[in-house]
């Protein structure tokens, strides 16, 4: 199978759209809200393109991803080592595009970060999913993506207190100049348990566009954390809590 070839938008970009989450069973619960994320090249972050006055809404740090930049090289260094430990060599000419939230007033929470690793012809060398939970833990998956941008992997990380780590994820990715979308379905015993979708339109990250988006979606990471906790409280009355197993840090190294 030939590598998936993409036509990514120019970066840095703001991806403005929606996040939708549906719990299908054992009880149905759904929500949808407007949101934005960033699509950036980890070697050329927004701080190189925007005035210093916008650093409060556009900063990225290796501390927030994978191995926290522990061994050097920033985010790219961590991605390179993560892939090498799993048999994938990232070339110096490869680009690493990251879909994530930036720190806003020093705070960030990223339920999901996606890393697209592309060769000089924008063919996919690797895709890494990094999932975060509200307990300060993270887990990274190396995806085997087909020509349609689809993949799957066994669940191995405790995300919600109402779900254990059983089941399998079905993933669909889209990265084009006109749309950036990530769809994740959790299946268990042949049934869909949860569907989560983030879908947005990318636009160049300029001072003008960031001013408009940041003011319209004020304190986005803080709002995401608050919504997760509010919806968790609603489900707490209906669903039993599942024990959280210890999580090894090697899962992001």
C-alpha atoms as a PDB file:
ATOM      1  CA  UNK A   1       0.000   0.000   0.000  1.00  0.00           C
ATOM      2  CA  UNK A   2       1.419   3.398  -0.991  1.00  0.00           C
ATOM      3  CA  UNK A   3       1.686   6.078   1.723  1.00  0.00           C
ATOM      4  CA  UNK A   4      -1.258   8.401   2.127  1.00  0.00           C
ATOM      5  CA  UNK A   5      -0.483  11.717   0.400  1.00  0.00           C
ATOM      6  CA  UNK A   6      -1.949  14.897   1.868  1.00  0.00           C
ATOM      7  CA  UNK A   7      -2.397  18.487   0.803  1.00  0.00           C
ATOM      8  CA  UNK A   8      -2.190  20.262   4.163  1.00  0.00           C
ATOM      9  CA  UNK A   9      -3.108  23.891   4.618  1.00  0.00           C
ATOM     10  CA  UNK A  10      -0.523  26.582   5.279  1.00  0.00           C
ATOM     11  CA  UNK A  11       0.610  26.778   8.881  1.00  0.00           C
ATOM     12  CA  UNK A  12       0.354  28.146  11.462  1.00  0.00           C
ATOM     13  CA  UNK A  13      -3.412  27.988  11.092  1.00  0.00           C
ATOM     14  CA  UNK A  14      -6.425  28.371  13.341  1.00  0.00           C
ATOM     15  CA  UNK A  15      -8.917  25.544  12.899  1.00  0.00           C
ATOM     16  CA  UNK A  16     -12.305  26.944  13.837  1.00  0.00           C
ATOM     17  CA  UNK A  17     -15.303  24.646  14.089  1.00  0.00           C
ATOM     18  CA  UNK A  18     -17.053  22.313  16.499  1.00  0.00           C
ATOM     19  CA  UNK A  19     -16.439  19.496  18.927  1.00  0.00           C
ATOM     20  CA  UNK A  20     -19.179  16.882  19.304  1.00  0.00           C
ATOM     21  CA  UNK A  21     -19.301  13.987  21.743  1.00  0.00           C
ATOM     22  CA  UNK A  22     -21.976  11.300  21.945  1.00  0.00           C
ATOM     23  CA  UNK A  23     -22.184   8.507  24.498  1.00  0.00           C
ATOM     24  CA  UNK A  24     -24.456   5.894  22.934  1.00  0.00           C
ATOM     25  CA  UNK A  25     -24.684   3.368  25.772  1.00  0.00           C
ATOM     26  CA  UNK A  26     -25.407   2.313  28.472  1.00  0.00           C
ATOM     27  CA  UNK A  27     -27.066   5.736  28.689  1.00  0.00           C
ATOM     28  CA  UNK A  28     -27.265   8.303  25.920  1.00  0.00           C
ATOM     29  CA  UNK A  29     -25.588  11.629  26.526  1.00  0.00           C
ATOM     30  CA  UNK A  30     -24.460  14.120  23.886  1.00  0.00           C
ATOM     31  CA  UNK A  31     -23.046  17.617  23.626  1.00  0.00           C
ATOM     32  CA  UNK A  32     -21.683  19.899  20.951  1.00  0.00           C
ATOM     33  CA  UNK A  33     -19.879  23.218  21.233  1.00  0.00           C
ATOM     34  CA  UNK A  34     -17.979  25.722  19.128  1.00  0.00           C
ATOM     35  CA  UNK A  35     -14.218  25.531  19.489  1.00  0.00           C
ATOM     36  CA  UNK A  36     -10.894  26.158  17.817  1.00  0.00           C
ATOM     37  CA  UNK A  37      -7.512  24.504  17.740  1.00  0.00           C
ATOM     38  CA  UNK A  38      -4.162  25.293  16.190  1.00  0.00           C
ATOM     39  CA  UNK A  39      -2.437  23.485  13.345  1.00  0.00           C
ATOM     40  CA  UNK A  40       1.288  24.224  13.592  1.00  0.00           C
ATOM     41  CA  UNK A  41       4.662  23.024  12.381  1.00  0.00           C
ATOM     42  CA  UNK A  42       6.540  22.038  15.550  1.00  0.00           C
ATOM     43  CA  UNK A  43       9.740  23.452  14.023  1.00  0.00           C
ATOM     44  CA  UNK A  44       8.145  26.832  13.285  1.00  0.00           C
ATOM     45  CA  UNK A  45       5.724  27.662  16.080  1.00  0.00           C
ATOM     46  CA  UNK A  46       3.376  30.694  16.084  1.00  0.00           C
ATOM     47  CA  UNK A  47       5.697  32.723  18.315  1.00  0.00           C
ATOM     48  CA  UNK A  48       7.842  33.248  15.215  1.00  0.00           C
ATOM     49  CA  UNK A  49       4.927  34.753  13.288  1.00  0.00           C
ATOM     50  CA  UNK A  50       2.876  36.743  15.779  1.00  0.00           C
ATOM     51  CA  UNK A  51       3.617  39.857  17.832  1.00  0.00           C
ATOM     52  CA  UNK A  52       4.781  39.330  21.408  1.00  0.00           C
ATOM     53  CA  UNK A  53       1.522  40.893  22.598  1.00  0.00           C
ATOM     54  CA  UNK A  54      -0.285  37.688  21.497  1.00  0.00           C
ATOM     55  CA  UNK A  55       1.996  35.212  23.272  1.00  0.00           C
ATOM     56  CA  UNK A  56      -0.628  34.847  26.026  1.00  0.00           C
ATOM     57  CA  UNK A  57      -2.891  33.011  23.551  1.00  0.00           C
ATOM     58  CA  UNK A  58      -0.440  31.294  21.227  1.00  0.00           C
ATOM     59  CA  UNK A  59       2.303  29.581  23.215  1.00  0.00           C
ATOM     60  CA  UNK A  60       3.241  25.921  22.911  1.00  0.00           C
ATOM     61  CA  UNK A  61       5.580  24.067  25.225  1.00  0.00           C
ATOM     62  CA  UNK A  62       7.234  20.659  25.084  1.00  0.00           C
ATOM     63  CA  UNK A  63       6.195  20.251  28.738  1.00  0.00           C
ATOM     64  CA  UNK A  64       2.608  19.738  27.603  1.00  0.00           C
ATOM     65  CA  UNK A  65       3.264  16.823  25.237  1.00  0.00           C
ATOM     66  CA  UNK A  66       4.730  13.339  25.116  1.00  0.00           C
ATOM     67  CA  UNK A  67       7.914  13.095  27.241  1.00  0.00           C
ATOM     68  CA  UNK A  68       7.834  16.791  28.264  1.00  0.00           C
ATOM     69  CA  UNK A  69      11.008  17.532  26.293  1.00  0.00           C
ATOM     70  CA  UNK A  70      12.954  15.626  28.933  1.00  0.00           C
ATOM     71  CA  UNK A  71      15.822  14.598  26.643  1.00  0.00           C
ATOM     72  CA  UNK A  72      15.981  17.745  24.526  1.00  0.00           C
ATOM     73  CA  UNK A  73      14.949  18.707  21.032  1.00  0.00           C
ATOM     74  CA  UNK A  74      11.575  20.105  22.045  1.00  0.00           C
ATOM     75  CA  UNK A  75       8.362  18.568  20.742  1.00  0.00           C
ATOM     76  CA  UNK A  76      10.062  17.307  17.598  1.00  0.00           C
ATOM     77  CA  UNK A  77      12.713  15.541  19.668  1.00  0.00           C
ATOM     78  CA  UNK A  78      10.036  13.710  21.628  1.00  0.00           C
ATOM     79  CA  UNK A  79       8.139  12.728  18.462  1.00  0.00           C
ATOM     80  CA  UNK A  80      11.363  11.492  16.858  1.00  0.00           C
ATOM     81  CA  UNK A  81      12.255   9.303  19.854  1.00  0.00           C
ATOM     82  CA  UNK A  82       8.697   8.000  20.236  1.00  0.00           C
ATOM     83  CA  UNK A  83       8.692   6.871  16.605  1.00  0.00           C
ATOM     84  CA  UNK A  84      12.227   5.442  16.725  1.00  0.00           C
ATOM     85  CA  UNK A  85      11.314   3.264  19.706  1.00  0.00           C
ATOM     86  CA  UNK A  86       8.536   1.841  17.521  1.00  0.00           C
ATOM     87  CA  UNK A  87      10.584   1.248  14.397  1.00  0.00           C
ATOM     88  CA  UNK A  88       9.844   4.450  12.453  1.00  0.00           C
ATOM     89  CA  UNK A  89      12.711   6.778  11.531  1.00  0.00           C
ATOM     90  CA  UNK A  90      11.871  10.451  11.130  1.00  0.00           C
ATOM     91  CA  UNK A  91      14.103  12.132   8.554  1.00  0.00           C
ATOM     92  CA  UNK A  92      15.546  15.634   9.093  1.00  0.00           C
ATOM     93  CA  UNK A  93      13.575  16.839   6.055  1.00  0.00           C
ATOM     94  CA  UNK A  94      10.260  15.501   7.379  1.00  0.00           C
ATOM     95  CA  UNK A  95       7.702  17.936   8.749  1.00  0.00           C
ATOM     96  CA  UNK A  96       5.707  17.363  11.933  1.00  0.00           C
ATOM     97  CA  UNK A  97       2.342  19.107  11.925  1.00  0.00           C
ATOM     98  CA  UNK A  98       0.528  19.240  15.252  1.00  0.00           C
ATOM     99  CA  UNK A  99      -3.189  19.800  15.876  1.00  0.00           C
ATOM    100  CA  UNK A 100      -3.500  21.020  19.468  1.00  0.00           C
ATOM    101  CA  UNK A 101      -4.571  23.745  21.844  1.00  0.00           C
ATOM    102  CA  UNK A 102      -2.158  26.519  22.752  1.00  0.00           C
ATOM    103  CA  UNK A 103      -1.594  27.762  26.269  1.00  0.00           C
ATOM    104  CA  UNK A 104      -3.980  30.598  27.096  1.00  0.00           C
ATOM    105  CA  UNK A 105      -2.884  32.747  30.038  1.00  0.00           C
ATOM    106  CA  UNK A 106      -0.467  29.977  30.946  1.00  0.00           C
ATOM    107  CA  UNK A 107      -3.042  27.149  30.988  1.00  0.00           C
ATOM    108  CA  UNK A 108      -3.729  24.390  28.503  1.00  0.00           C
ATOM    109  CA  UNK A 109      -5.715  21.177  28.376  1.00  0.00           C
ATOM    110  CA  UNK A 110      -5.606  19.016  25.255  1.00  0.00           C
ATOM    111  CA  UNK A 111      -8.029  16.073  25.248  1.00  0.00           C
ATOM    112  CA  UNK A 112      -6.419  15.010  21.957  1.00  0.00           C
ATOM    113  CA  UNK A 113      -3.286  16.082  20.106  1.00  0.00           C
ATOM    114  CA  UNK A 114      -2.610  14.752  16.609  1.00  0.00           C
ATOM    115  CA  UNK A 115       0.846  14.685  15.024  1.00  0.00           C
ATOM    116  CA  UNK A 116       1.062  14.197  11.262  1.00  0.00           C
ATOM    117  CA  UNK A 117       4.627  13.332  10.223  1.00  0.00           C
ATOM    118  CA  UNK A 118       5.041  14.112   6.514  1.00  0.00           C
ATOM    119  CA  UNK A 119       7.907  13.621   4.092  1.00  0.00           C
ATOM    120  CA  UNK A 120       9.016  16.325   1.656  1.00  0.00           C
ATOM    121  CA  UNK A 121       6.223  15.275  -0.749  1.00  0.00           C
ATOM    122  CA  UNK A 122       3.590  15.496   2.035  1.00  0.00           C
ATOM    123  CA  UNK A 123       3.175  11.747   2.147  1.00  0.00           C
ATOM    124  CA  UNK A 124       2.347  10.398   5.583  1.00  0.00           C
ATOM    125  CA  UNK A 125       5.308   8.774   7.273  1.00  0.00           C
ATOM    126  CA  UNK A 126       3.473   8.362  10.592  1.00  0.00           C
ATOM    127  CA  UNK A 127       0.514   9.646  12.612  1.00  0.00           C
ATOM    128  CA  UNK A 128       0.642   9.861  16.389  1.00  0.00           C
ATOM    129  CA  UNK A 129      -2.416  10.300  18.613  1.00  0.00           C
ATOM    130  CA  UNK A 130      -1.727  11.724  22.051  1.00  0.00           C
ATOM    131  CA  UNK A 131      -4.658  11.447  24.460  1.00  0.00           C
ATOM    132  CA  UNK A 132      -4.820  13.376  27.740  1.00  0.00           C
ATOM    133  CA  UNK A 133      -7.102  12.807  30.706  1.00  0.00           C
ATOM    134  CA  UNK A 134      -8.067  15.167  33.503  1.00  0.00           C
ATOM    135  CA  UNK A 135      -5.786  13.318  35.947  1.00  0.00           C
ATOM    136  CA  UNK A 136      -2.672  14.791  34.348  1.00  0.00           C
ATOM    137  CA  UNK A 137      -1.836  11.602  32.434  1.00  0.00           C
ATOM    138  CA  UNK A 138      -1.248  11.102  28.718  1.00  0.00           C
ATOM    139  CA  UNK A 139      -0.895   8.198  26.313  1.00  0.00           C
ATOM    140  CA  UNK A 140       0.332   8.143  22.722  1.00  0.00           C
ATOM    141  CA  UNK A 141      -0.745   5.749  19.976  1.00  0.00           C
ATOM    142  CA  UNK A 142       1.130   5.150  16.713  1.00  0.00           C
ATOM    143  CA  UNK A 143      -1.514   4.768  14.009  1.00  0.00           C
ATOM    144  CA  UNK A 144      -1.361   2.662  10.871  1.00  0.00           C
ATOM    145  CA  UNK A 145      -3.322   4.928   8.514  1.00  0.00           C
ATOM    146  CA  UNK A 146      -4.676   3.628   5.206  1.00  0.00           C
ATOM    147  CA  UNK A 147      -5.147   5.522   1.931  1.00  0.00           C
ATOM    148  CA  UNK A 148      -8.539   6.772   3.092  1.00  0.00           C
ATOM    149  CA  UNK A 149      -7.142   8.268   6.290  1.00  0.00           C
ATOM    150  CA  UNK A 150      -8.625   5.541   8.476  1.00  0.00           C
ATOM    151  CA  UNK A 151      -7.056   3.548  11.259  1.00  0.00           C
ATOM    152  CA  UNK A 152      -7.854   1.624  14.416  1.00  0.00           C
ATOM    153  CA  UNK A 153      -6.211   0.591  17.672  1.00  0.00           C
ATOM    154  CA  UNK A 154      -7.061  -1.129  20.917  1.00  0.00           C
ATOM    155  CA  UNK A 155      -7.886   1.205  23.772  1.00  0.00           C
ATOM    156  CA  UNK A 156      -5.027   1.267  26.298  1.00  0.00           C
ATOM    157  CA  UNK A 157      -5.627   4.391  28.355  1.00  0.00           C
ATOM    158  CA  UNK A 158      -8.105   5.429  31.041  1.00  0.00           C
ATOM    159  CA  UNK A 159      -9.820   8.604  29.852  1.00  0.00           C
ATOM    160  CA  UNK A 160     -13.253   8.744  31.466  1.00  0.00           C
ATOM    161  CA  UNK A 161     -14.125   7.566  34.996  1.00  0.00           C
ATOM    162  CA  UNK A 162     -17.198   5.914  33.446  1.00  0.00           C
ATOM    163  CA  UNK A 163     -15.257   3.712  31.004  1.00  0.00           C
ATOM    164  CA  UNK A 164     -12.579   1.102  31.609  1.00  0.00           C
ATOM    165  CA  UNK A 165      -9.752   0.481  29.138  1.00  0.00           C
ATOM    166  CA  UNK A 166     -11.505  -2.220  27.118  1.00  0.00           C
ATOM    167  CA  UNK A 167     -12.627  -1.766  23.526  1.00  0.00           C
ATOM    168  CA  UNK A 168     -11.203  -0.660  20.208  1.00  0.00           C
ATOM    169  CA  UNK A 169     -11.038   2.747  18.572  1.00  0.00           C
ATOM    170  CA  UNK A 170     -12.010   3.421  14.949  1.00  0.00           C
ATOM    171  CA  UNK A 171     -10.314   6.591  13.694  1.00  0.00           C
ATOM    172  CA  UNK A 172     -10.865   8.748  10.618  1.00  0.00           C
ATOM    173  CA  UNK A 173      -8.632  11.700   9.710  1.00  0.00           C
ATOM    174  CA  UNK A 174      -8.897  14.529   7.227  1.00  0.00           C
ATOM    175  CA  UNK A 175      -6.239  17.184   6.629  1.00  0.00           C
ATOM    176  CA  UNK A 176      -6.868  19.451   3.615  1.00  0.00           C
ATOM    177  CA  UNK A 177      -6.689  23.191   2.889  1.00  0.00           C
ATOM    178  CA  UNK A 178     -10.444  23.397   3.386  1.00  0.00           C
ATOM    179  CA  UNK A 179     -11.067  21.078   6.313  1.00  0.00           C
ATOM    180  CA  UNK A 180      -9.374  19.486   9.302  1.00  0.00           C
ATOM    181  CA  UNK A 181     -11.383  16.731  10.957  1.00  0.00           C
ATOM    182  CA  UNK A 182     -10.773  13.894  13.395  1.00  0.00           C
ATOM    183  CA  UNK A 183     -13.421  11.281  14.192  1.00  0.00           C
ATOM    184  CA  UNK A 184     -13.016   8.644  16.900  1.00  0.00           C
ATOM    185  CA  UNK A 185     -15.436   5.851  17.708  1.00  0.00           C
ATOM    186  CA  UNK A 186     -15.042   3.475  20.643  1.00  0.00           C
ATOM    187  CA  UNK A 187     -16.452   0.007  19.963  1.00  0.00           C
ATOM    188  CA  UNK A 188     -16.977  -2.694  22.530  1.00  0.00           C
ATOM    189  CA  UNK A 189     -18.486  -6.148  21.966  1.00  0.00           C
ATOM    190  CA  UNK A 190     -19.543  -5.167  18.467  1.00  0.00           C
ATOM    191  CA  UNK A 191     -21.392  -2.024  19.555  1.00  0.00           C
ATOM    192  CA  UNK A 192     -20.494   1.649  19.313  1.00  0.00           C
ATOM    193  CA  UNK A 193     -20.105   3.088  22.804  1.00  0.00           C
ATOM    194  CA  UNK A 194     -18.801   6.606  22.151  1.00  0.00           C
ATOM    195  CA  UNK A 195     -18.319   8.858  19.132  1.00  0.00           C
ATOM    196  CA  UNK A 196     -16.202  12.008  19.311  1.00  0.00           C
ATOM    197  CA  UNK A 197     -15.640  14.372  16.385  1.00  0.00           C
ATOM    198  CA  UNK A 198     -13.663  17.578  15.994  1.00  0.00           C
ATOM    199  CA  UNK A 199     -14.254  19.342  12.692  1.00  0.00           C
ATOM    200  CA  UNK A 200     -13.131  22.767  11.554  1.00  0.00           C
ATOM    201  CA  UNK A 201     -12.085  25.124   8.786  1.00  0.00           C
ATOM    202  CA  UNK A 202      -8.421  26.185   8.802  1.00  0.00           C
ATOM    203  CA  UNK A 203      -7.435  29.804   8.263  1.00  0.00           C
ATOM    204  CA  UNK A 204      -4.027  31.503   8.460  1.00  0.00           C
ATOM    205  CA  UNK A 205      -3.089  32.540  11.995  1.00  0.00           C
ATOM    206  CA  UNK A 206      -2.567  36.287  11.743  1.00  0.00           C
ATOM    207  CA  UNK A 207      -2.885  38.923  14.485  1.00  0.00           C
ATOM    208  CA  UNK A 208      -6.261  39.878  13.049  1.00  0.00           C
ATOM    209  CA  UNK A 209      -7.655  36.328  12.858  1.00  0.00           C
ATOM    210  CA  UNK A 210      -6.294  35.421  16.290  1.00  0.00           C
ATOM    211  CA  UNK A 211      -7.857  38.521  17.816  1.00  0.00           C
ATOM    212  CA  UNK A 212     -11.234  37.599  16.358  1.00  0.00           C
ATOM    213  CA  UNK A 213     -11.077  33.910  17.289  1.00  0.00           C
ATOM    214  CA  UNK A 214      -9.532  34.327  20.747  1.00  0.00           C
ATOM    215  CA  UNK A 215     -12.115  36.921  21.751  1.00  0.00           C
ATOM    216  CA  UNK A 216     -15.035  34.930  20.349  1.00  0.00           C
ATOM    217  CA  UNK A 217     -13.853  31.739  22.065  1.00  0.00           C
ATOM    218  CA  UNK A 218     -12.393  33.309  25.179  1.00  0.00           C
ATOM    219  CA  UNK A 219     -10.262  31.063  27.430  1.00  0.00           C
ATOM    220  CA  UNK A 220     -10.805  27.986  25.254  1.00  0.00           C
ATOM    221  CA  UNK A 221      -8.665  25.504  27.265  1.00  0.00           C
ATOM    222  CA  UNK A 222     -10.265  26.617  30.520  1.00  0.00           C
ATOM    223  CA  UNK A 223     -13.738  26.244  29.009  1.00  0.00           C
ATOM    224  CA  UNK A 224     -12.929  22.736  27.723  1.00  0.00           C
ATOM    225  CA  UNK A 225     -11.874  21.612  31.198  1.00  0.00           C
ATOM    226  CA  UNK A 226     -14.988  23.129  32.780  1.00  0.00           C
ATOM    227  CA  UNK A 227     -17.318  21.456  30.272  1.00  0.00           C
ATOM    228  CA  UNK A 228     -15.698  18.058  30.814  1.00  0.00           C
ATOM    229  CA  UNK A 229     -16.231  18.345  34.559  1.00  0.00           C
ATOM    230  CA  UNK A 230     -19.818  19.579  34.231  1.00  0.00           C
ATOM    231  CA  UNK A 231     -20.790  16.731  31.912  1.00  0.00           C
ATOM    232  CA  UNK A 232     -18.991  14.309  34.229  1.00  0.00           C
ATOM    233  CA  UNK A 233     -21.143  15.473  37.122  1.00  0.00           C
ATOM    234  CA  UNK A 234     -24.280  14.829  35.082  1.00  0.00           C
ATOM    235  CA  UNK A 235     -23.148  11.291  34.240  1.00  0.00           C
ATOM    236  CA  UNK A 236     -22.030  10.586  37.805  1.00  0.00           C
ATOM    237  CA  UNK A 237     -25.669  10.210  38.823  1.00  0.00           C
ATOM    238  CA  UNK A 238     -26.336   7.627  36.125  1.00  0.00           C
ATOM    239  CA  UNK A 239     -23.198   5.519  35.696  1.00  0.00           C
ATOM    240  CA  UNK A 240     -20.901   3.614  38.062  1.00  0.00           C
ATOM    241  CA  UNK A 241     -17.299   4.751  38.405  1.00  0.00           C
ATOM    242  CA  UNK A 242     -14.558   2.549  36.941  1.00  0.00           C
ATOM    243  CA  UNK A 243     -11.249   2.034  38.749  1.00  0.00           C
ATOM    244  CA  UNK A 244      -8.294   3.894  37.243  1.00  0.00           C
ATOM    245  CA  UNK A 245      -5.271   1.613  36.700  1.00  0.00           C
ATOM    246  CA  UNK A 246      -1.703   2.951  37.026  1.00  0.00           C
ATOM    247  CA  UNK A 247      -0.376   4.333  33.758  1.00  0.00           C
ATOM    248  CA  UNK A 248       3.285   3.906  32.695  1.00  0.00           C
ATOM    249  CA  UNK A 249       5.180   6.965  31.436  1.00  0.00           C
ATOM    250  CA  UNK A 250       6.818   4.741  28.820  1.00  0.00           C
ATOM    251  CA  UNK A 251       3.571   5.037  26.837  1.00  0.00           C
ATOM    252  CA  UNK A 252       4.718   8.465  25.603  1.00  0.00           C
ATOM    253  CA  UNK A 253       8.454   7.742  25.184  1.00  0.00           C
END
